Amino acid sequence: MDDKIYQVTSPVMGTFYCTSSPGEPPMVKVGQEIKTSDIVCVIESMKIFTEIRSEYAGIVKKILVENEEPVMKKQALIVIEKK
């Protein structure tokens, strides 16, 4: 994989949420610039919500899953082009 590309992955099996709560706008959108430690999504597992943060600053290139879609542990969720 290209050194400039980073994939945000799920630390647990659960449900992917791109918003902090129903009716809110997505936390990130394709083309958006983000900073290190920005929250990019939330994974809900067994009623526990885990905020997923980016390890790198960059541009969101692709969101690989849909809101409320089940995800597996270590599944790629979001592709970021590192700055």
PDB file of N, CA and C in Angstrom:
ATOM      1  N   MET A   1       0.843  -1.187   0.000  1.00  0.00           N
ATOM      2  CA  MET A   1       0.000   0.000   0.000  1.00  0.00           C
ATOM      3  C   MET A   1       0.885   1.247   0.000  1.00  0.00           C
ATOM      4  N   ASP A   2       0.432   2.282  -0.652  1.00  0.00           N
ATOM      5  CA  ASP A   2       1.125   3.560  -0.740  1.00  0.00           C
ATOM      6  C   ASP A   2       1.372   4.125   0.668  1.00  0.00           C
ATOM      7  N   ASP A   3       2.581   4.657   0.909  1.00  0.00           N
ATOM      8  CA  ASP A   3       2.922   5.220   2.220  1.00  0.00           C
ATOM      9  C   ASP A   3       2.077   6.440   2.574  1.00  0.00           C
ATOM     10  N   LYS A   4       1.488   7.080   1.572  1.00  0.00           N
ATOM     11  CA  LYS A   4       0.671   8.270   1.824  1.00  0.00           C
ATOM     12  C   LYS A   4      -0.771   7.915   2.158  1.00  0.00           C
ATOM     13  N   ILE A   5      -1.130   6.649   2.003  1.00  0.00           N
ATOM     14  CA  ILE A   5      -2.507   6.220   2.258  1.00  0.00           C
ATOM     15  C   ILE A   5      -2.584   5.528   3.614  1.00  0.00           C
ATOM     16  N   TYR A   6      -3.573   5.935   4.400  1.00  0.00           N
ATOM     17  CA  TYR A   6      -3.806   5.351   5.720  1.00  0.00           C
ATOM     18  C   TYR A   6      -5.262   4.893   5.776  1.00  0.00           C
ATOM     19  N   GLN A   7      -5.479   3.698   6.297  1.00  0.00           N
ATOM     20  CA  GLN A   7      -6.840   3.197   6.462  1.00  0.00           C
ATOM     21  C   GLN A   7      -7.192   3.181   7.945  1.00  0.00           C
ATOM     22  N   VAL A   8      -8.272   3.876   8.279  1.00  0.00           N
ATOM     23  CA  VAL A   8      -8.811   3.820   9.636  1.00  0.00           C
ATOM     24  C   VAL A   8      -9.530   2.479   9.739  1.00  0.00           C
ATOM     25  N   THR A   9      -9.215   1.697  10.767  1.00  0.00           N
ATOM     26  CA  THR A   9      -9.832   0.381  10.922  1.00  0.00           C
ATOM     27  C   THR A   9     -10.609   0.306  12.233  1.00  0.00           C
ATOM     28  N   SER A  10     -11.523  -0.633  12.287  1.00  0.00           N
ATOM     29  CA  SER A  10     -12.336  -0.814  13.484  1.00  0.00           C
ATOM     30  C   SER A  10     -11.565  -1.624  14.526  1.00  0.00           C
ATOM     31  N   PRO A  11     -11.514  -1.143  15.762  1.00  0.00           N
ATOM     32  CA  PRO A  11     -10.820  -1.890  16.807  1.00  0.00           C
ATOM     33  C   PRO A  11     -11.657  -3.052  17.354  1.00  0.00           C
ATOM     34  N   VAL A  12     -12.946  -3.049  17.053  1.00  0.00           N
ATOM     35  CA  VAL A  12     -13.870  -4.063  17.572  1.00  0.00           C
ATOM     36  C   VAL A  12     -14.921  -4.406  16.524  1.00  0.00           C
ATOM     37  N   MET A  13     -15.602  -5.536  16.726  1.00  0.00           N
ATOM     38  CA  MET A  13     -16.747  -5.882  15.908  1.00  0.00           C
ATOM     39  C   MET A  13     -17.935  -5.079  16.437  1.00  0.00           C
ATOM     40  N   GLY A  14     -18.743  -4.510  15.554  1.00  0.00           N
ATOM     41  CA  GLY A  14     -19.877  -3.724  16.015  1.00  0.00           C
ATOM     42  C   GLY A  14     -20.611  -3.058  14.875  1.00  0.00           C
ATOM     43  N   THR A  15     -21.223  -1.916  15.160  1.00  0.00           N
ATOM     44  CA  THR A  15     -21.987  -1.163  14.180  1.00  0.00           C
ATOM     45  C   THR A  15     -21.319   0.186  13.950  1.00  0.00           C
ATOM     46  N   PHE A  16     -21.113   0.523  12.676  1.00  0.00           N
ATOM     47  CA  PHE A  16     -20.464   1.767  12.264  1.00  0.00           C
ATOM     48  C   PHE A  16     -21.479   2.904  12.252  1.00  0.00           C
ATOM     49  N   TYR A  17     -21.102   4.030  12.835  1.00  0.00           N
ATOM     50  CA  TYR A  17     -21.924   5.236  12.777  1.00  0.00           C
ATOM     51  C   TYR A  17     -21.059   6.397  12.299  1.00  0.00           C
ATOM     52  N   CYS A  18     -21.532   7.101  11.280  1.00  0.00           N
ATOM     53  CA  CYS A  18     -20.780   8.239  10.753  1.00  0.00           C
ATOM     54  C   CYS A  18     -21.218   9.550  11.412  1.00  0.00           C
ATOM     55  N   THR A  19     -22.252   9.487  12.267  1.00  0.00           N
ATOM     56  CA  THR A  19     -22.734  10.672  12.975  1.00  0.00           C
ATOM     57  C   THR A  19     -22.661  10.429  14.481  1.00  0.00           C
ATOM     58  N   SER A  20     -22.627  11.513  15.237  1.00  0.00           N
ATOM     59  CA  SER A  20     -22.571  11.372  16.693  1.00  0.00           C
ATOM     60  C   SER A  20     -23.937  11.042  17.281  1.00  0.00           C
ATOM     61  N   SER A  21     -25.000  11.413  16.553  1.00  0.00           N
ATOM     62  CA  SER A  21     -26.359  11.070  16.973  1.00  0.00           C
ATOM     63  C   SER A  21     -27.289  11.214  15.765  1.00  0.00           C
ATOM     64  N   PRO A  22     -28.451  10.558  15.796  1.00  0.00           N
ATOM     65  CA  PRO A  22     -29.374  10.632  14.654  1.00  0.00           C
ATOM     66  C   PRO A  22     -29.724  12.085  14.305  1.00  0.00           C
ATOM     67  N   GLY A  23     -29.752  12.374  13.028  1.00  0.00           N
ATOM     68  CA  GLY A  23     -30.088  13.714  12.571  1.00  0.00           C
ATOM     69  C   GLY A  23     -28.922  14.680  12.492  1.00  0.00           C
ATOM     70  N   GLU A  24     -27.780  14.285  13.023  1.00  0.00           N
ATOM     71  CA  GLU A  24     -26.583  15.123  12.968  1.00  0.00           C
ATOM     72  C   GLU A  24     -25.856  14.903  11.641  1.00  0.00           C
ATOM     73  N   PRO A  25     -25.059  15.884  11.191  1.00  0.00           N
ATOM     74  CA  PRO A  25     -24.278  15.682   9.965  1.00  0.00           C
ATOM     75  C   PRO A  25     -23.150  14.675  10.209  1.00  0.00           C
ATOM     76  N   PRO A  26     -22.641  14.054   9.145  1.00  0.00           N
ATOM     77  CA  PRO A  26     -21.524  13.110   9.300  1.00  0.00           C
ATOM     78  C   PRO A  26     -20.307  13.791   9.927  1.00  0.00           C
ATOM     79  N   MET A  27     -19.523  13.018  10.661  1.00  0.00           N
ATOM     80  CA  MET A  27     -18.322  13.554  11.299  1.00  0.00           C
ATOM     81  C   MET A  27     -17.272  13.940  10.263  1.00  0.00           C
ATOM     82  N   VAL A  28     -17.192  13.151   9.189  1.00  0.00           N
ATOM     83  CA  VAL A  28     -16.271  13.466   8.085  1.00  0.00           C
ATOM     84  C   VAL A  28     -16.964  13.178   6.753  1.00  0.00           C
ATOM     85  N   LYS A  29     -16.486  13.873   5.713  1.00  0.00           N
ATOM     86  CA  LYS A  29     -16.987  13.678   4.354  1.00  0.00           C
ATOM     87  C   LYS A  29     -15.799  13.508   3.424  1.00  0.00           C
ATOM     88  N   VAL A  30     -16.020  12.846   2.294  1.00  0.00           N
ATOM     89  CA  VAL A  30     -14.965  12.690   1.294  1.00  0.00           C
ATOM     90  C   VAL A  30     -14.513  14.083   0.861  1.00  0.00           C
ATOM     91  N   GLY A  31     -13.195  14.276   0.816  1.00  0.00           N
ATOM     92  CA  GLY A  31     -12.615  15.553   0.437  1.00  0.00           C
ATOM     93  C   GLY A  31     -12.305  16.456   1.612  1.00  0.00           C
ATOM     94  N   GLN A  32     -12.779  16.102   2.781  1.00  0.00           N
ATOM     95  CA  GLN A  32     -12.570  16.921   3.980  1.00  0.00           C
ATOM     96  C   GLN A  32     -11.149  16.760   4.499  1.00  0.00           C
ATOM     97  N   GLU A  33     -10.560  17.864   4.938  1.00  0.00           N
ATOM     98  CA  GLU A  33      -9.251  17.819   5.584  1.00  0.00           C
ATOM     99  C   GLU A  33      -9.458  17.564   7.067  1.00  0.00           C
ATOM    100  N   ILE A  34      -8.680  16.646   7.623  1.00  0.00           N
ATOM    101  CA  ILE A  34      -8.777  16.326   9.049  1.00  0.00           C
ATOM    102  C   ILE A  34      -7.402  16.449   9.699  1.00  0.00           C
ATOM    103  N   LYS A  35      -7.434  16.589  11.033  1.00  0.00           N
ATOM    104  CA  LYS A  35      -6.202  16.680  11.807  1.00  0.00           C
ATOM    105  C   LYS A  35      -5.991  15.372  12.572  1.00  0.00           C
ATOM    106  N   THR A  36      -4.773  15.156  13.008  1.00  0.00           N
ATOM    107  CA  THR A  36      -4.463  14.014  13.866  1.00  0.00           C
ATOM    108  C   THR A  36      -5.371  14.067  15.087  1.00  0.00           C
ATOM    109  N   SER A  37      -5.928  12.944  15.453  1.00  0.00           N
ATOM    110  CA  SER A  37      -6.805  12.778  16.618  1.00  0.00           C
ATOM    111  C   SER A  37      -8.241  13.252  16.398  1.00  0.00           C
ATOM    112  N   ASP A  38      -8.594  13.718  15.193  1.00  0.00           N
ATOM    113  CA  ASP A  38      -9.998  14.050  14.923  1.00  0.00           C
ATOM    114  C   ASP A  38     -10.844  12.784  14.990  1.00  0.00           C
ATOM    115  N   ILE A  39     -12.038  12.898  15.555  1.00  0.00           N
ATOM    116  CA  ILE A  39     -12.975  11.774  15.574  1.00  0.00           C
ATOM    117  C   ILE A  39     -13.556  11.640  14.177  1.00  0.00           C
ATOM    118  N   VAL A  40     -13.443  10.441  13.590  1.00  0.00           N
ATOM    119  CA  VAL A  40     -13.921  10.232  12.221  1.00  0.00           C
ATOM    120  C   VAL A  40     -15.182   9.375  12.160  1.00  0.00           C
ATOM    121  N   CYS A  41     -15.464   8.602  13.230  1.00  0.00           N
ATOM    122  CA  CYS A  41     -16.669   7.780  13.286  1.00  0.00           C
ATOM    123  C   CYS A  41     -16.802   7.200  14.688  1.00  0.00           C
ATOM    124  N   VAL A  42     -17.880   6.462  14.887  1.00  0.00           N
ATOM    125  CA  VAL A  42     -18.136   5.799  16.165  1.00  0.00           C
ATOM    126  C   VAL A  42     -18.509   4.349  15.869  1.00  0.00           C
ATOM    127  N   ILE A  43     -18.006   3.420  16.685  1.00  0.00           N
ATOM    128  CA  ILE A  43     -18.388   2.012  16.590  1.00  0.00           C
ATOM    129  C   ILE A  43     -19.117   1.644  17.872  1.00  0.00           C
ATOM    130  N   GLU A  44     -20.312   1.083  17.714  1.00  0.00           N
ATOM    131  CA  GLU A  44     -21.098   0.632  18.866  1.00  0.00           C
ATOM    132  C   GLU A  44     -20.976  -0.881  18.963  1.00  0.00           C
ATOM    133  N   SER A  45     -20.581  -1.338  20.126  1.00  0.00           N
ATOM    134  CA  SER A  45     -20.445  -2.772  20.375  1.00  0.00           C
ATOM    135  C   SER A  45     -20.962  -3.063  21.777  1.00  0.00           C
ATOM    136  N   MET A  46     -21.991  -3.876  21.862  1.00  0.00           N
ATOM    137  CA  MET A  46     -22.576  -4.265  23.146  1.00  0.00           C
ATOM    138  C   MET A  46     -22.960  -3.039  23.982  1.00  0.00           C
ATOM    139  N   LYS A  47     -23.594  -2.072  23.337  1.00  0.00           N
ATOM    140  CA  LYS A  47     -24.094  -0.836  23.971  1.00  0.00           C
ATOM    141  C   LYS A  47     -22.986   0.115  24.421  1.00  0.00           C
ATOM    142  N   ILE A  48     -21.743  -0.160  24.015  1.00  0.00           N
ATOM    143  CA  ILE A  48     -20.628   0.737  24.312  1.00  0.00           C
ATOM    144  C   ILE A  48     -20.223   1.428  23.013  1.00  0.00           C
ATOM    145  N   PHE A  49     -20.159   2.755  23.044  1.00  0.00           N
ATOM    146  CA  PHE A  49     -19.809   3.543  21.869  1.00  0.00           C
ATOM    147  C   PHE A  49     -18.345   3.949  21.954  1.00  0.00           C
ATOM    148  N   THR A  50     -17.570   3.575  20.929  1.00  0.00           N
ATOM    149  CA  THR A  50     -16.146   3.879  20.884  1.00  0.00           C
ATOM    150  C   THR A  50     -15.891   4.901  19.789  1.00  0.00           C
ATOM    151  N   GLU A  51     -15.331   6.051  20.172  1.00  0.00           N
ATOM    152  CA  GLU A  51     -14.969   7.066  19.191  1.00  0.00           C
ATOM    153  C   GLU A  51     -13.689   6.620  18.495  1.00  0.00           C
ATOM    154  N   ILE A  52     -13.703   6.661  17.164  1.00  0.00           N
ATOM    155  CA  ILE A  52     -12.533   6.287  16.379  1.00  0.00           C
ATOM    156  C   ILE A  52     -11.866   7.566  15.891  1.00  0.00           C
ATOM    157  N   ARG A  53     -10.585   7.707  16.194  1.00  0.00           N
ATOM    158  CA  ARG A  53      -9.826   8.908  15.833  1.00  0.00           C
ATOM    159  C   ARG A  53      -8.786   8.581  14.766  1.00  0.00           C
ATOM    160  N   SER A  54      -8.491   9.558  13.957  1.00  0.00           N
ATOM    161  CA  SER A  54      -7.462   9.396  12.938  1.00  0.00           C
ATOM    162  C   SER A  54      -6.082   9.492  13.581  1.00  0.00           C
ATOM    163  N   GLU A  55      -5.181   8.648  13.140  1.00  0.00           N
ATOM    164  CA  GLU A  55      -3.801   8.692  13.632  1.00  0.00           C
ATOM    165  C   GLU A  55      -2.961   9.703  12.864  1.00  0.00           C
ATOM    166  N   TYR A  56      -3.500  10.197  11.728  1.00  0.00           N
ATOM    167  CA  TYR A  56      -2.747  11.109  10.871  1.00  0.00           C
ATOM    168  C   TYR A  56      -3.620  12.260  10.400  1.00  0.00           C
ATOM    169  N   ALA A  57      -2.980  13.378  10.086  1.00  0.00           N
ATOM    170  CA  ALA A  57      -3.655  14.482   9.414  1.00  0.00           C
ATOM    171  C   ALA A  57      -3.690  14.156   7.923  1.00  0.00           C
ATOM    172  N   GLY A  58      -4.720  14.632   7.239  1.00  0.00           N
ATOM    173  CA  GLY A  58      -4.799  14.396   5.807  1.00  0.00           C
ATOM    174  C   GLY A  58      -6.163  14.712   5.234  1.00  0.00           C
ATOM    175  N   ILE A  59      -6.437  14.114   4.075  1.00  0.00           N
ATOM    176  CA  ILE A  59      -7.690  14.325   3.350  1.00  0.00           C
ATOM    177  C   ILE A  59      -8.449  12.999   3.292  1.00  0.00           C
ATOM    178  N   VAL A  60      -9.740  13.039   3.622  1.00  0.00           N
ATOM    179  CA  VAL A  60     -10.581  11.839   3.530  1.00  0.00           C
ATOM    180  C   VAL A  60     -10.795  11.526   2.050  1.00  0.00           C
ATOM    181  N   LYS A  61     -10.343  10.355   1.621  1.00  0.00           N
ATOM    182  CA  LYS A  61     -10.448   9.953   0.217  1.00  0.00           C
ATOM    183  C   LYS A  61     -11.649   9.063  -0.052  1.00  0.00           C
ATOM    184  N   LYS A  62     -11.999   8.229   0.919  1.00  0.00           N
ATOM    185  CA  LYS A  62     -13.096   7.287   0.695  1.00  0.00           C
ATOM    186  C   LYS A  62     -13.644   6.821   2.033  1.00  0.00           C
ATOM    187  N   ILE A  63     -14.958   6.667   2.109  1.00  0.00           N
ATOM    188  CA  ILE A  63     -15.609   6.057   3.263  1.00  0.00           C
ATOM    189  C   ILE A  63     -16.122   4.710   2.779  1.00  0.00           C
ATOM    190  N   LEU A  64     -15.607   3.637   3.357  1.00  0.00           N
ATOM    191  CA  LEU A  64     -15.804   2.291   2.823  1.00  0.00           C
ATOM    192  C   LEU A  64     -17.060   1.582   3.318  1.00  0.00           C
ATOM    193  N   VAL A  65     -17.718   2.123   4.329  1.00  0.00           N
ATOM    194  CA  VAL A  65     -18.924   1.485   4.883  1.00  0.00           C
ATOM    195  C   VAL A  65     -20.044   2.507   5.004  1.00  0.00           C
ATOM    196  N   GLU A  66     -21.260   2.017   5.050  1.00  0.00           N
ATOM    197  CA  GLU A  66     -22.440   2.867   5.183  1.00  0.00           C
ATOM    198  C   GLU A  66     -22.798   3.041   6.657  1.00  0.00           C
ATOM    199  N   ASN A  67     -23.496   4.124   6.968  1.00  0.00           N
ATOM    200  CA  ASN A  67     -23.963   4.361   8.324  1.00  0.00           C
ATOM    201  C   ASN A  67     -24.828   3.191   8.794  1.00  0.00           C
ATOM    202  N   GLU A  68     -24.612   2.768  10.021  1.00  0.00           N
ATOM    203  CA  GLU A  68     -25.333   1.677  10.686  1.00  0.00           C
ATOM    204  C   GLU A  68     -25.031   0.295  10.089  1.00  0.00           C
ATOM    205  N   GLU A  69     -23.963   0.190   9.339  1.00  0.00           N
ATOM    206  CA  GLU A  69     -23.547  -1.100   8.767  1.00  0.00           C
ATOM    207  C   GLU A  69     -22.717  -1.867   9.794  1.00  0.00           C
ATOM    208  N   PRO A  70     -22.948  -3.185   9.922  1.00  0.00           N
ATOM    209  CA  PRO A  70     -22.103  -3.984  10.818  1.00  0.00           C
ATOM    210  C   PRO A  70     -20.679  -4.071  10.265  1.00  0.00           C
ATOM    211  N   VAL A  71     -19.706  -4.032  11.164  1.00  0.00           N
ATOM    212  CA  VAL A  71     -18.298  -4.134  10.764  1.00  0.00           C
ATOM    213  C   VAL A  71     -17.587  -5.165  11.631  1.00  0.00           C
ATOM    214  N   MET A  72     -16.513  -5.694  11.091  1.00  0.00           N
ATOM    215  CA  MET A  72     -15.698  -6.676  11.787  1.00  0.00           C
ATOM    216  C   MET A  72     -14.471  -5.992  12.404  1.00  0.00           C
ATOM    217  N   LYS A  73     -13.874  -6.624  13.393  1.00  0.00           N
ATOM    218  CA  LYS A  73     -12.635  -6.125  13.986  1.00  0.00           C
ATOM    219  C   LYS A  73     -11.567  -6.050  12.904  1.00  0.00           C
ATOM    220  N   LYS A  74     -10.836  -4.954  12.864  1.00  0.00           N
ATOM    221  CA  LYS A  74      -9.752  -4.680  11.915  1.00  0.00           C
ATOM    222  C   LYS A  74     -10.239  -4.392  10.496  1.00  0.00           C
ATOM    223  N   GLN A  75     -11.555  -4.274  10.281  1.00  0.00           N
ATOM    224  CA  GLN A  75     -12.083  -3.929   8.960  1.00  0.00           C
ATOM    225  C   GLN A  75     -11.748  -2.479   8.634  1.00  0.00           C
ATOM    226  N   ALA A  76     -11.317  -2.229   7.385  1.00  0.00           N
ATOM    227  CA  ALA A  76     -11.050  -0.854   6.947  1.00  0.00           C
ATOM    228  C   ALA A  76     -12.363  -0.090   6.860  1.00  0.00           C
ATOM    229  N   LEU A  77     -12.370   1.135   7.391  1.00  0.00           N
ATOM    230  CA  LEU A  77     -13.578   1.958   7.427  1.00  0.00           C
ATOM    231  C   LEU A  77     -13.460   3.204   6.554  1.00  0.00           C
ATOM    232  N   ILE A  78     -12.328   3.888   6.664  1.00  0.00           N
ATOM    233  CA  ILE A  78     -12.130   5.157   6.001  1.00  0.00           C
ATOM    234  C   ILE A  78     -10.708   5.211   5.462  1.00  0.00           C
ATOM    235  N   VAL A  79     -10.550   5.732   4.235  1.00  0.00           N
ATOM    236  CA  VAL A  79      -9.229   5.890   3.613  1.00  0.00           C
ATOM    237  C   VAL A  79      -8.843   7.359   3.680  1.00  0.00           C
ATOM    238  N   ILE A  80      -7.646   7.609   4.192  1.00  0.00           N
ATOM    239  CA  ILE A  80      -7.121   8.971   4.343  1.00  0.00           C
ATOM    240  C   ILE A  80      -5.793   9.083   3.604  1.00  0.00           C
ATOM    241  N   GLU A  81      -5.651  10.158   2.842  1.00  0.00           N
ATOM    242  CA  GLU A  81      -4.356  10.467   2.230  1.00  0.00           C
ATOM    243  C   GLU A  81      -3.602  11.361   3.207  1.00  0.00           C
ATOM    244  N   LYS A  82      -2.493  10.841   3.740  1.00  0.00           N
ATOM    245  CA  LYS A  82      -1.724  11.563   4.747  1.00  0.00           C
ATOM    246  C   LYS A  82      -1.073  12.817   4.156  1.00  0.00           C
ATOM    247  N   LYS A  83      -0.943  13.825   5.007  1.00  0.00           N
ATOM    248  CA  LYS A  83      -0.247  15.067   4.606  1.00  0.00           C
ATOM    249  C   LYS A  83       1.233  14.920   4.851  1.00  0.00           C
TER     250      LYS A  83
END
